[in-house]
Amino acid sequence: MDLREEIKKLREDFVKGHLLEQEVNANPFAQFESWLRQAVEAKISEVQAVNLSTVSQEGKPSSRIVYIREFENGKMWFYTNYNSRKAKHMDNNANVCLTFFWPDLERQIRLEGTVIKCEKSYSDNYFNNRPRESKIGSWSSNQSSVLKSRKELEDLVADFTKKFEDKEVPRPDFWGGWEFTPNYYEFWQGRKSRLHDRIIYTLENNNWKIERLAP
């Protein structure tokens, strides 16, 4: 098989829906919740997974998948190690982009906005509800640092498992949440012949302006 030729030939038309200005909610967060609810009802796999894009101090972009765990009042929360590469990026540049992609619904949502470290109570509440093994993992992983081997990580897990034996596992100070506040939304619905629907919301003078973009 010629992989390059196979990739060139891949074609899929999008016919599962449409997105019109008169049908969307005036509040973009309500529109997001509507689409999220439909994705959950459609049993989309990893519906909470989102591509998080950050920019380093040197101006280099970086992306990875994280999970949105909470959302309300126009804000979203995700959690990670505060020593990780993405956290260091966000410490230096609070501007980030989130992208949800649900191919089964032929939909994408792109959000731009800013992040801050969330209140400790949010981080504590979320951490306390994690499985014990995940809590141990948070202590064991100096995220984004270089490991000599898999065994080094497994030894750290064993050490912290012993340390917290018969005890509650507390949240490490170096692990917690980020609060994301969007100032831009783009809702993308796949359409036939690549003539996709793209509806954007931009924040102007504390009001949301709705416009259509060319596909």
N, C-alpha and C. Protein backbone atom coordinates (compact mmCIF):
# COMPACT_ATOMS: atom_id res chain seq x y z
N MET A 1 0.83 -1.20 0.00
CA MET A 1 0.00 0.00 0.00
C MET A 1 0.87 1.25 0.00
N ASP A 2 0.58 2.17 -0.90
CA ASP A 2 1.27 3.45 -0.93
C ASP A 2 0.53 4.39 0.02
N LEU A 3 1.07 4.58 1.20
CA LEU A 3 0.39 5.36 2.23
C LEU A 3 0.11 6.78 1.78
N ARG A 4 1.05 7.39 1.08
CA ARG A 4 0.86 8.76 0.63
C ARG A 4 -0.32 8.88 -0.33
N GLU A 5 -0.43 7.93 -1.23
CA GLU A 5 -1.53 7.93 -2.18
C GLU A 5 -2.86 7.67 -1.48
N GLU A 6 -2.84 6.78 -0.48
CA GLU A 6 -4.07 6.50 0.27
C GLU A 6 -4.57 7.75 0.98
N ILE A 7 -3.66 8.50 1.58
CA ILE A 7 -4.04 9.72 2.28
C ILE A 7 -4.63 10.73 1.30
N LYS A 8 -4.03 10.84 0.14
CA LYS A 8 -4.53 11.78 -0.87
C LYS A 8 -5.96 11.44 -1.28
N LYS A 9 -6.30 10.16 -1.31
CA LYS A 9 -7.60 9.72 -1.82
C LYS A 9 -8.71 9.80 -0.78
N LEU A 10 -8.35 9.96 0.48
CA LEU A 10 -9.38 9.96 1.53
C LEU A 10 -10.33 11.14 1.34
N ARG A 11 -11.60 10.85 1.18
CA ARG A 11 -12.63 11.88 1.00
C ARG A 11 -13.87 11.45 1.78
N GLU A 12 -14.45 12.41 2.47
CA GLU A 12 -15.72 12.13 3.16
C GLU A 12 -16.56 13.38 3.12
N ASP A 13 -17.76 13.27 2.58
CA ASP A 13 -18.64 14.42 2.54
C ASP A 13 -19.39 14.51 3.88
N PHE A 14 -19.77 15.71 4.24
CA PHE A 14 -20.44 15.94 5.52
C PHE A 14 -21.90 16.26 5.27
N VAL A 15 -22.78 15.42 5.81
CA VAL A 15 -24.20 15.56 5.49
C VAL A 15 -25.11 15.43 6.71
N LYS A 16 -24.55 15.52 7.92
CA LYS A 16 -25.33 15.19 9.10
C LYS A 16 -26.05 16.37 9.75
N GLY A 17 -25.81 17.58 9.26
CA GLY A 17 -26.48 18.69 9.91
C GLY A 17 -26.17 20.02 9.26
N HIS A 18 -26.72 21.06 9.86
CA HIS A 18 -26.48 22.42 9.38
C HIS A 18 -26.47 23.35 10.59
N LEU A 19 -26.00 24.59 10.39
CA LEU A 19 -25.94 25.56 11.46
C LEU A 19 -26.27 26.93 10.88
N LEU A 20 -27.40 27.48 11.31
CA LEU A 20 -27.87 28.75 10.78
C LEU A 20 -27.93 29.80 11.89
N GLU A 21 -27.67 31.03 11.51
CA GLU A 21 -27.63 32.12 12.49
C GLU A 21 -28.93 32.22 13.28
N GLN A 22 -30.07 32.05 12.63
CA GLN A 22 -31.35 32.22 13.31
C GLN A 22 -31.67 31.06 14.25
N GLU A 23 -30.85 30.02 14.22
CA GLU A 23 -31.12 28.85 15.07
C GLU A 23 -30.20 28.78 16.30
N VAL A 24 -29.12 29.54 16.30
CA VAL A 24 -28.18 29.44 17.41
C VAL A 24 -28.64 30.29 18.59
N ASN A 25 -28.18 29.94 19.77
CA ASN A 25 -28.49 30.70 20.98
C ASN A 25 -27.71 32.00 20.98
N ALA A 26 -28.31 33.06 21.48
CA ALA A 26 -27.61 34.35 21.56
C ALA A 26 -26.44 34.30 22.53
N ASN A 27 -26.47 33.36 23.46
CA ASN A 27 -25.39 33.17 24.43
C ASN A 27 -24.52 32.01 23.96
N PRO A 28 -23.24 32.25 23.65
CA PRO A 28 -22.41 31.17 23.11
C PRO A 28 -22.19 30.03 24.08
N PHE A 29 -22.17 30.32 25.39
CA PHE A 29 -21.98 29.24 26.35
C PHE A 29 -23.20 28.33 26.38
N ALA A 30 -24.40 28.92 26.22
CA ALA A 30 -25.62 28.11 26.13
C ALA A 30 -25.60 27.26 24.86
N GLN A 31 -25.07 27.82 23.77
CA GLN A 31 -24.94 27.06 22.53
C GLN A 31 -23.94 25.91 22.72
N PHE A 32 -22.84 26.19 23.42
CA PHE A 32 -21.87 25.14 23.73
C PHE A 32 -22.52 24.02 24.53
N GLU A 33 -23.27 24.37 25.56
CA GLU A 33 -23.92 23.36 26.39
C GLU A 33 -24.91 22.54 25.58
N SER A 34 -25.61 23.18 24.65
CA SER A 34 -26.56 22.48 23.80
C SER A 34 -25.85 21.43 22.95
N TRP A 35 -24.75 21.83 22.34
CA TRP A 35 -24.00 20.87 21.52
C TRP A 35 -23.36 19.79 22.37
N LEU A 36 -22.87 20.15 23.55
CA LEU A 36 -22.27 19.16 24.43
C LEU A 36 -23.31 18.14 24.86
N ARG A 37 -24.52 18.61 25.19
CA ARG A 37 -25.58 17.69 25.58
C ARG A 37 -25.91 16.72 24.44
N GLN A 38 -25.98 17.23 23.22
CA GLN A 38 -26.26 16.37 22.07
C GLN A 38 -25.14 15.35 21.86
N ALA A 39 -23.90 15.77 22.10
CA ALA A 39 -22.78 14.84 21.95
C ALA A 39 -22.83 13.74 23.01
N VAL A 40 -23.19 14.10 24.24
CA VAL A 40 -23.32 13.11 25.31
C VAL A 40 -24.45 12.14 24.98
N GLU A 41 -25.58 12.68 24.53
CA GLU A 41 -26.72 11.83 24.18
C GLU A 41 -26.40 10.90 23.01
N ALA A 42 -25.52 11.35 22.12
CA ALA A 42 -25.10 10.52 20.98
C ALA A 42 -24.02 9.52 21.37
N LYS A 43 -23.62 9.55 22.66
CA LYS A 43 -22.61 8.65 23.20
C LYS A 43 -21.28 8.77 22.45
N ILE A 44 -20.89 10.02 22.19
CA ILE A 44 -19.60 10.27 21.56
C ILE A 44 -18.48 9.87 22.51
N SER A 45 -17.52 9.13 22.01
CA SER A 45 -16.39 8.71 22.83
C SER A 45 -15.51 9.91 23.21
N GLU A 46 -15.08 9.94 24.45
CA GLU A 46 -14.18 10.99 24.94
C GLU A 46 -14.74 12.38 24.65
N VAL A 47 -16.00 12.56 24.92
CA VAL A 47 -16.68 13.83 24.60
C VAL A 47 -16.06 15.01 25.35
N GLN A 48 -15.44 14.74 26.49
CA GLN A 48 -14.86 15.80 27.31
C GLN A 48 -13.43 16.14 26.90
N ALA A 49 -12.88 15.41 25.94
CA ALA A 49 -11.51 15.63 25.50
C ALA A 49 -11.42 16.88 24.62
N VAL A 50 -10.41 17.70 24.88
CA VAL A 50 -10.26 18.94 24.13
C VAL A 50 -8.77 19.16 23.85
N ASN A 51 -8.49 19.68 22.67
CA ASN A 51 -7.11 20.02 22.33
C ASN A 51 -6.78 21.39 22.91
N LEU A 52 -5.80 21.42 23.78
CA LEU A 52 -5.36 22.67 24.42
C LEU A 52 -4.09 23.15 23.74
N SER A 53 -4.13 24.36 23.19
CA SER A 53 -2.96 24.96 22.55
C SER A 53 -2.44 26.11 23.40
N THR A 54 -1.14 26.08 23.65
CA THR A 54 -0.47 27.12 24.43
C THR A 54 0.72 27.64 23.63
N VAL A 55 1.32 28.73 24.10
CA VAL A 55 2.48 29.31 23.43
C VAL A 55 3.58 29.53 24.46
N SER A 56 4.79 29.11 24.11
CA SER A 56 5.92 29.23 25.02
C SER A 56 6.42 30.66 25.09
N GLN A 57 7.33 30.90 26.00
CA GLN A 57 7.93 32.23 26.15
C GLN A 57 8.69 32.63 24.89
N GLU A 58 9.14 31.61 24.13
CA GLU A 58 9.86 31.87 22.88
C GLU A 58 8.93 32.04 21.70
N GLY A 59 7.61 31.98 21.94
CA GLY A 59 6.63 32.15 20.87
C GLY A 59 6.34 30.88 20.09
N LYS A 60 6.71 29.71 20.64
CA LYS A 60 6.47 28.44 19.95
C LYS A 60 5.16 27.82 20.44
N PRO A 61 4.27 27.45 19.52
CA PRO A 61 3.00 26.84 19.93
C PRO A 61 3.18 25.38 20.29
N SER A 62 2.30 24.88 21.14
CA SER A 62 2.30 23.48 21.54
C SER A 62 0.87 23.07 21.84
N SER A 63 0.51 21.84 21.46
CA SER A 63 -0.86 21.36 21.67
C SER A 63 -0.84 19.97 22.28
N ARG A 64 -1.89 19.70 23.05
CA ARG A 64 -2.07 18.38 23.63
C ARG A 64 -3.53 18.23 24.05
N ILE A 65 -3.96 16.99 24.30
CA ILE A 65 -5.34 16.72 24.70
C ILE A 65 -5.44 16.74 26.23
N VAL A 66 -6.43 17.49 26.73
CA VAL A 66 -6.76 17.46 28.15
C VAL A 66 -8.26 17.20 28.29
N TYR A 67 -8.71 17.00 29.51
CA TYR A 67 -10.14 16.78 29.77
C TYR A 67 -10.74 18.00 30.47
N ILE A 68 -11.83 18.50 29.91
CA ILE A 68 -12.63 19.50 30.62
C ILE A 68 -13.47 18.75 31.66
N ARG A 69 -13.32 19.13 32.92
CA ARG A 69 -13.99 18.40 33.99
C ARG A 69 -15.18 19.14 34.59
N GLU A 70 -15.17 20.46 34.48
CA GLU A 70 -16.26 21.26 35.05
C GLU A 70 -16.52 22.45 34.14
N PHE A 71 -17.76 22.93 34.15
CA PHE A 71 -18.10 24.12 33.36
C PHE A 71 -19.37 24.73 33.94
N GLU A 72 -19.36 26.05 34.05
CA GLU A 72 -20.54 26.79 34.51
C GLU A 72 -20.29 28.28 34.33
N ASN A 73 -21.37 29.01 34.14
CA ASN A 73 -21.32 30.47 34.05
C ASN A 73 -20.26 30.97 33.07
N GLY A 74 -20.17 30.32 31.93
CA GLY A 74 -19.26 30.76 30.89
C GLY A 74 -17.81 30.40 31.11
N LYS A 75 -17.51 29.59 32.10
CA LYS A 75 -16.13 29.20 32.39
C LYS A 75 -15.98 27.69 32.32
N MET A 76 -14.73 27.23 32.13
CA MET A 76 -14.42 25.80 32.10
C MET A 76 -13.18 25.55 32.95
N TRP A 77 -13.06 24.32 33.47
CA TRP A 77 -11.93 23.96 34.31
C TRP A 77 -11.29 22.67 33.83
N PHE A 78 -9.96 22.67 33.84
CA PHE A 78 -9.20 21.44 33.62
C PHE A 78 -8.06 21.41 34.63
N TYR A 79 -7.46 20.22 34.82
CA TYR A 79 -6.51 20.03 35.91
C TYR A 79 -5.23 19.39 35.40
N THR A 80 -4.11 19.77 36.04
CA THR A 80 -2.82 19.24 35.58
C THR A 80 -1.74 19.54 36.62
N ASN A 81 -0.56 19.04 36.34
CA ASN A 81 0.61 19.32 37.17
C ASN A 81 1.09 20.75 36.89
N TYR A 82 1.28 21.54 37.94
CA TYR A 82 1.70 22.94 37.76
C TYR A 82 3.15 23.07 37.31
N ASN A 83 3.90 21.96 37.31
CA ASN A 83 5.28 21.98 36.82
C ASN A 83 5.39 21.49 35.37
N SER A 84 4.26 21.14 34.77
CA SER A 84 4.28 20.60 33.41
C SER A 84 4.63 21.68 32.39
N ARG A 85 4.93 21.23 31.19
CA ARG A 85 5.29 22.16 30.12
C ARG A 85 4.15 23.12 29.82
N LYS A 86 2.92 22.59 29.74
CA LYS A 86 1.79 23.46 29.42
C LYS A 86 1.54 24.47 30.52
N ALA A 87 1.74 24.05 31.79
CA ALA A 87 1.53 24.97 32.89
C ALA A 87 2.55 26.11 32.86
N LYS A 88 3.79 25.78 32.52
CA LYS A 88 4.81 26.83 32.42
C LYS A 88 4.48 27.80 31.29
N HIS A 89 3.95 27.26 30.18
CA HIS A 89 3.50 28.13 29.09
C HIS A 89 2.42 29.08 29.59
N MET A 90 1.43 28.53 30.30
CA MET A 90 0.30 29.34 30.74
C MET A 90 0.69 30.34 31.82
N ASP A 91 1.73 30.01 32.60
CA ASP A 91 2.24 30.98 33.57
C ASP A 91 2.80 32.21 32.88
N ASN A 92 3.41 32.00 31.71
CA ASN A 92 4.03 33.10 30.97
C ASN A 92 3.08 33.78 30.00
N ASN A 93 2.09 33.05 29.50
CA ASN A 93 1.15 33.59 28.52
C ASN A 93 -0.22 32.97 28.78
N ALA A 94 -1.13 33.77 29.29
CA ALA A 94 -2.44 33.27 29.71
C ALA A 94 -3.39 33.03 28.55
N ASN A 95 -3.00 33.40 27.32
CA ASN A 95 -3.86 33.22 26.16
C ASN A 95 -3.74 31.79 25.63
N VAL A 96 -4.88 31.09 25.56
CA VAL A 96 -4.89 29.71 25.08
C VAL A 96 -6.05 29.49 24.12
N CYS A 97 -6.02 28.35 23.46
CA CYS A 97 -7.11 27.95 22.55
C CYS A 97 -7.51 26.53 22.89
N LEU A 98 -8.82 26.27 22.93
CA LEU A 98 -9.36 24.93 23.13
C LEU A 98 -10.15 24.53 21.89
N THR A 99 -9.99 23.27 21.46
CA THR A 99 -10.73 22.77 20.31
C THR A 99 -11.34 21.41 20.62
N PHE A 100 -12.67 21.36 20.58
CA PHE A 100 -13.40 20.09 20.65
C PHE A 100 -13.64 19.61 19.23
N PHE A 101 -13.49 18.30 19.00
CA PHE A 101 -13.79 17.74 17.68
C PHE A 101 -14.57 16.45 17.88
N TRP A 102 -15.80 16.45 17.34
CA TRP A 102 -16.68 15.29 17.45
C TRP A 102 -17.02 14.81 16.03
N PRO A 103 -16.14 13.98 15.42
CA PRO A 103 -16.33 13.58 14.02
C PRO A 103 -17.63 12.84 13.76
N ASP A 104 -18.13 12.10 14.75
CA ASP A 104 -19.39 11.37 14.54
C ASP A 104 -20.56 12.31 14.30
N LEU A 105 -20.46 13.53 14.81
CA LEU A 105 -21.50 14.54 14.58
C LEU A 105 -21.08 15.56 13.52
N GLU A 106 -19.84 15.38 13.00
CA GLU A 106 -19.29 16.32 12.01
C GLU A 106 -19.29 17.74 12.58
N ARG A 107 -18.81 17.85 13.82
CA ARG A 107 -18.82 19.14 14.52
C ARG A 107 -17.48 19.43 15.18
N GLN A 108 -17.21 20.71 15.26
CA GLN A 108 -16.02 21.19 15.94
C GLN A 108 -16.38 22.49 16.66
N ILE A 109 -15.83 22.68 17.84
CA ILE A 109 -15.99 23.94 18.56
C ILE A 109 -14.59 24.43 18.92
N ARG A 110 -14.29 25.65 18.52
CA ARG A 110 -13.00 26.26 18.84
C ARG A 110 -13.24 27.47 19.73
N LEU A 111 -12.49 27.54 20.83
CA LEU A 111 -12.64 28.62 21.79
C LEU A 111 -11.28 29.26 22.05
N GLU A 112 -11.25 30.58 22.08
CA GLU A 112 -10.06 31.30 22.47
C GLU A 112 -10.38 32.08 23.75
N GLY A 113 -9.38 32.22 24.61
CA GLY A 113 -9.61 32.95 25.84
C GLY A 113 -8.39 32.94 26.72
N THR A 114 -8.59 33.17 28.01
CA THR A 114 -7.48 33.26 28.96
C THR A 114 -7.69 32.31 30.13
N VAL A 115 -6.59 31.97 30.78
CA VAL A 115 -6.64 31.07 31.92
C VAL A 115 -6.01 31.71 33.15
N ILE A 116 -6.48 31.27 34.31
CA ILE A 116 -5.83 31.58 35.58
C ILE A 116 -5.85 30.30 36.41
N LYS A 117 -4.93 30.19 37.36
CA LYS A 117 -4.99 29.07 38.28
C LYS A 117 -6.25 29.23 39.14
N CYS A 118 -6.98 28.16 39.28
CA CYS A 118 -8.26 28.27 39.96
C CYS A 118 -8.09 28.27 41.47
N GLU A 119 -9.15 28.58 42.17
CA GLU A 119 -9.13 28.59 43.63
C GLU A 119 -8.78 27.19 44.16
N LYS A 120 -8.06 27.18 45.29
CA LYS A 120 -7.62 25.90 45.85
C LYS A 120 -8.79 24.98 46.16
N SER A 121 -9.92 25.56 46.51
CA SER A 121 -11.08 24.73 46.85
C SER A 121 -11.53 23.89 45.66
N TYR A 122 -11.46 24.47 44.44
CA TYR A 122 -11.81 23.71 43.24
C TYR A 122 -10.86 22.54 43.06
N SER A 123 -9.56 22.83 43.20
CA SER A 123 -8.56 21.78 43.03
C SER A 123 -8.71 20.69 44.08
N ASP A 124 -8.96 21.10 45.32
CA ASP A 124 -9.14 20.12 46.41
C ASP A 124 -10.36 19.24 46.17
N ASN A 125 -11.46 19.86 45.80
CA ASN A 125 -12.70 19.10 45.59
C ASN A 125 -12.53 18.08 44.46
N TYR A 126 -11.91 18.53 43.37
CA TYR A 126 -11.73 17.60 42.25
C TYR A 126 -10.76 16.48 42.63
N PHE A 127 -9.63 16.86 43.23
CA PHE A 127 -8.63 15.85 43.59
C PHE A 127 -9.20 14.82 44.54
N ASN A 128 -9.98 15.26 45.52
CA ASN A 128 -10.52 14.33 46.51
C ASN A 128 -11.50 13.33 45.91
N ASN A 129 -12.04 13.63 44.75
CA ASN A 129 -12.97 12.71 44.11
C ASN A 129 -12.30 11.81 43.07
N ARG A 130 -10.99 11.95 42.90
CA ARG A 130 -10.27 11.09 41.96
C ARG A 130 -10.06 9.70 42.56
N PRO A 131 -9.88 8.68 41.70
CA PRO A 131 -9.53 7.35 42.22
C PRO A 131 -8.18 7.41 42.96
N ARG A 132 -8.03 6.57 43.96
CA ARG A 132 -6.81 6.58 44.77
C ARG A 132 -5.56 6.41 43.90
N GLU A 133 -5.62 5.53 42.91
CA GLU A 133 -4.46 5.29 42.05
C GLU A 133 -4.06 6.55 41.28
N SER A 134 -5.06 7.34 40.87
CA SER A 134 -4.76 8.59 40.17
C SER A 134 -4.12 9.60 41.11
N LYS A 135 -4.55 9.61 42.36
CA LYS A 135 -3.94 10.50 43.35
C LYS A 135 -2.47 10.14 43.56
N ILE A 136 -2.20 8.85 43.69
CA ILE A 136 -0.81 8.40 43.83
C ILE A 136 -0.01 8.79 42.60
N GLY A 137 -0.62 8.65 41.43
CA GLY A 137 0.05 9.00 40.19
C GLY A 137 0.43 10.47 40.14
N SER A 138 -0.41 11.33 40.69
CA SER A 138 -0.11 12.76 40.70
C SER A 138 1.15 13.05 41.51
N TRP A 139 1.31 12.36 42.63
CA TRP A 139 2.51 12.54 43.45
C TRP A 139 3.74 11.95 42.75
N SER A 140 3.55 10.89 42.00
CA SER A 140 4.67 10.14 41.45
C SER A 140 5.26 10.75 40.19
N SER A 141 4.48 11.54 39.47
CA SER A 141 4.92 12.03 38.17
C SER A 141 5.31 13.51 38.22
N ASN A 142 6.57 13.78 37.99
CA ASN A 142 7.02 15.15 37.78
C ASN A 142 6.81 15.44 36.30
N GLN A 143 5.59 15.76 35.97
CA GLN A 143 5.14 15.78 34.57
C GLN A 143 6.05 16.60 33.66
N SER A 144 6.34 16.03 32.49
CA SER A 144 7.16 16.63 31.43
C SER A 144 8.66 16.56 31.71
N SER A 145 9.07 16.03 32.87
CA SER A 145 10.49 15.85 33.13
C SER A 145 10.98 14.55 32.49
N VAL A 146 12.28 14.44 32.28
CA VAL A 146 12.87 13.26 31.63
C VAL A 146 13.02 12.12 32.64
N LEU A 147 12.60 10.92 32.24
CA LEU A 147 12.76 9.71 33.04
C LEU A 147 13.86 8.83 32.43
N LYS A 148 14.62 8.17 33.28
CA LYS A 148 15.65 7.25 32.79
C LYS A 148 15.01 5.99 32.21
N SER A 149 13.88 5.60 32.80
CA SER A 149 13.21 4.37 32.37
C SER A 149 11.81 4.33 32.94
N ARG A 150 11.00 3.38 32.45
CA ARG A 150 9.68 3.15 33.02
C ARG A 150 9.79 2.72 34.48
N LYS A 151 10.84 1.95 34.79
CA LYS A 151 11.03 1.45 36.15
C LYS A 151 11.17 2.59 37.15
N GLU A 152 11.82 3.69 36.74
CA GLU A 152 11.96 4.83 37.64
C GLU A 152 10.59 5.35 38.08
N LEU A 153 9.66 5.43 37.12
CA LEU A 153 8.31 5.88 37.45
C LEU A 153 7.60 4.86 38.34
N GLU A 154 7.73 3.59 38.01
CA GLU A 154 7.06 2.55 38.80
C GLU A 154 7.60 2.50 40.21
N ASP A 155 8.89 2.77 40.38
CA ASP A 155 9.48 2.80 41.73
C ASP A 155 8.91 3.97 42.53
N LEU A 156 8.71 5.10 41.88
CA LEU A 156 8.12 6.26 42.57
C LEU A 156 6.69 5.96 42.99
N VAL A 157 5.94 5.29 42.11
CA VAL A 157 4.57 4.89 42.46
C VAL A 157 4.58 3.98 43.69
N ALA A 158 5.52 3.03 43.71
CA ALA A 158 5.61 2.11 44.86
C ALA A 158 5.97 2.87 46.13
N ASP A 159 6.88 3.83 46.02
CA ASP A 159 7.29 4.61 47.20
C ASP A 159 6.12 5.42 47.77
N PHE A 160 5.36 6.09 46.89
CA PHE A 160 4.26 6.91 47.38
C PHE A 160 3.08 6.05 47.84
N THR A 161 2.91 4.89 47.23
CA THR A 161 1.88 3.96 47.69
C THR A 161 2.17 3.55 49.14
N LYS A 162 3.45 3.28 49.42
CA LYS A 162 3.84 2.91 50.78
C LYS A 162 3.70 4.10 51.72
N LYS A 163 4.10 5.30 51.27
CA LYS A 163 4.05 6.49 52.12
C LYS A 163 2.64 6.79 52.58
N PHE A 164 1.67 6.61 51.68
CA PHE A 164 0.28 6.95 52.01
C PHE A 164 -0.56 5.72 52.38
N GLU A 165 0.11 4.63 52.69
CA GLU A 165 -0.61 3.41 53.08
C GLU A 165 -1.50 3.69 54.29
N ASP A 166 -2.76 3.31 54.18
CA ASP A 166 -3.74 3.50 55.26
C ASP A 166 -3.97 4.97 55.60
N LYS A 167 -3.69 5.86 54.66
CA LYS A 167 -3.91 7.29 54.86
C LYS A 167 -4.66 7.87 53.67
N GLU A 168 -5.29 9.01 53.91
CA GLU A 168 -5.86 9.76 52.80
C GLU A 168 -4.71 10.39 52.00
N VAL A 169 -4.86 10.39 50.69
CA VAL A 169 -3.82 10.98 49.84
C VAL A 169 -4.15 12.45 49.63
N PRO A 170 -3.33 13.37 50.16
CA PRO A 170 -3.62 14.80 49.99
C PRO A 170 -3.25 15.29 48.60
N ARG A 171 -3.82 16.42 48.22
CA ARG A 171 -3.46 17.02 46.93
C ARG A 171 -2.08 17.65 47.02
N PRO A 172 -1.17 17.33 46.08
CA PRO A 172 0.13 18.00 46.09
C PRO A 172 -0.02 19.48 45.76
N ASP A 173 0.83 20.31 46.33
CA ASP A 173 0.79 21.74 46.03
C ASP A 173 1.08 22.02 44.57
N PHE A 174 1.80 21.09 43.92
CA PHE A 174 2.19 21.31 42.52
C PHE A 174 1.16 20.77 41.52
N TRP A 175 -0.02 20.43 42.02
CA TRP A 175 -1.07 19.88 41.14
C TRP A 175 -2.37 20.62 41.40
N GLY A 176 -3.06 21.02 40.32
CA GLY A 176 -4.32 21.71 40.52
C GLY A 176 -4.97 22.13 39.22
N GLY A 177 -5.95 23.01 39.37
CA GLY A 177 -6.79 23.35 38.23
C GLY A 177 -6.47 24.69 37.59
N TRP A 178 -6.97 24.82 36.37
CA TRP A 178 -6.93 26.07 35.61
C TRP A 178 -8.35 26.44 35.23
N GLU A 179 -8.67 27.72 35.36
CA GLU A 179 -9.99 28.25 35.01
C GLU A 179 -9.87 28.99 33.68
N PHE A 180 -10.65 28.55 32.70
CA PHE A 180 -10.60 29.12 31.35
C PHE A 180 -11.84 29.97 31.10
N THR A 181 -11.62 31.20 30.64
CA THR A 181 -12.72 32.11 30.31
C THR A 181 -12.63 32.46 28.82
N PRO A 182 -13.58 32.00 28.00
CA PRO A 182 -13.53 32.28 26.57
C PRO A 182 -13.91 33.72 26.24
N ASN A 183 -13.28 34.26 25.20
CA ASN A 183 -13.70 35.54 24.63
C ASN A 183 -14.01 35.42 23.14
N TYR A 184 -13.92 34.17 22.64
CA TYR A 184 -14.20 33.91 21.23
C TYR A 184 -14.67 32.47 21.11
N TYR A 185 -15.74 32.25 20.36
CA TYR A 185 -16.25 30.91 20.07
C TYR A 185 -16.40 30.76 18.56
N GLU A 186 -16.07 29.58 18.06
CA GLU A 186 -16.41 29.24 16.68
C GLU A 186 -17.06 27.85 16.66
N PHE A 187 -18.29 27.81 16.16
CA PHE A 187 -19.02 26.55 16.01
C PHE A 187 -18.96 26.14 14.54
N TRP A 188 -18.46 24.96 14.29
CA TRP A 188 -18.24 24.45 12.93
C TRP A 188 -19.10 23.22 12.72
N GLN A 189 -19.92 23.27 11.69
CA GLN A 189 -20.74 22.12 11.30
C GLN A 189 -20.36 21.73 9.88
N GLY A 190 -19.92 20.48 9.70
CA GLY A 190 -19.55 20.01 8.37
C GLY A 190 -20.73 20.03 7.42
N ARG A 191 -20.49 20.44 6.18
CA ARG A 191 -21.53 20.47 5.15
C ARG A 191 -20.99 19.87 3.85
N LYS A 192 -21.89 19.55 2.98
CA LYS A 192 -21.55 18.91 1.71
C LYS A 192 -20.63 19.80 0.87
N SER A 193 -19.73 19.17 0.13
CA SER A 193 -18.82 19.83 -0.80
C SER A 193 -17.89 20.82 -0.11
N ARG A 194 -17.62 20.57 1.16
CA ARG A 194 -16.72 21.41 1.96
C ARG A 194 -17.24 22.84 2.16
N LEU A 195 -18.53 23.03 1.94
CA LEU A 195 -19.14 24.35 2.17
C LEU A 195 -19.70 24.38 3.59
N HIS A 196 -18.79 24.29 4.54
CA HIS A 196 -19.15 24.13 5.95
C HIS A 196 -19.79 25.38 6.53
N ASP A 197 -20.58 25.18 7.59
CA ASP A 197 -21.13 26.29 8.36
C ASP A 197 -20.16 26.64 9.47
N ARG A 198 -19.82 27.93 9.57
CA ARG A 198 -18.95 28.42 10.64
C ARG A 198 -19.60 29.66 11.24
N ILE A 199 -20.07 29.53 12.48
CA ILE A 199 -20.68 30.65 13.19
C ILE A 199 -19.77 31.04 14.34
N ILE A 200 -19.41 32.32 14.39
CA ILE A 200 -18.51 32.79 15.44
C ILE A 200 -19.20 33.78 16.37
N TYR A 201 -18.74 33.81 17.59
CA TYR A 201 -19.16 34.79 18.60
C TYR A 201 -17.91 35.54 19.05
N THR A 202 -17.93 36.84 18.96
CA THR A 202 -16.84 37.66 19.46
C THR A 202 -17.39 38.64 20.50
N LEU A 203 -16.60 38.85 21.55
CA LEU A 203 -17.04 39.70 22.65
C LEU A 203 -16.65 41.15 22.37
N GLU A 204 -17.66 42.01 22.26
CA GLU A 204 -17.44 43.43 22.01
C GLU A 204 -18.25 44.24 23.01
N ASN A 205 -17.56 45.02 23.84
CA ASN A 205 -18.22 45.85 24.86
C ASN A 205 -19.18 45.02 25.72
N ASN A 206 -18.69 43.85 26.12
CA ASN A 206 -19.45 42.94 26.99
C ASN A 206 -20.69 42.35 26.33
N ASN A 207 -20.79 42.46 25.01
CA ASN A 207 -21.89 41.85 24.26
C ASN A 207 -21.31 40.88 23.22
N TRP A 208 -22.06 39.81 22.98
CA TRP A 208 -21.60 38.82 22.02
C TRP A 208 -22.13 39.16 20.62
N LYS A 209 -21.22 39.28 19.68
CA LYS A 209 -21.57 39.56 18.29
C LYS A 209 -21.49 38.26 17.51
N ILE A 210 -22.55 37.95 16.76
CA ILE A 210 -22.63 36.69 16.00
C ILE A 210 -22.42 36.98 14.52
N GLU A 211 -21.50 36.21 13.91
CA GLU A 211 -21.22 36.37 12.48
C GLU A 211 -20.96 35.01 11.86
N ARG A 212 -21.07 34.97 10.53
CA ARG A 212 -20.75 33.76 9.77
C ARG A 212 -19.42 33.96 9.06
N LEU A 213 -18.58 32.91 9.06
CA LEU A 213 -17.33 32.92 8.33
C LEU A 213 -17.43 32.06 7.08
N ALA A 214 -16.70 32.43 6.05
CA ALA A 214 -16.60 31.57 4.87
C ALA A 214 -15.93 30.25 5.26
N PRO A 215 -16.36 29.15 4.66
CA PRO A 215 -15.80 27.84 5.05
C PRO A 215 -14.34 27.70 4.64
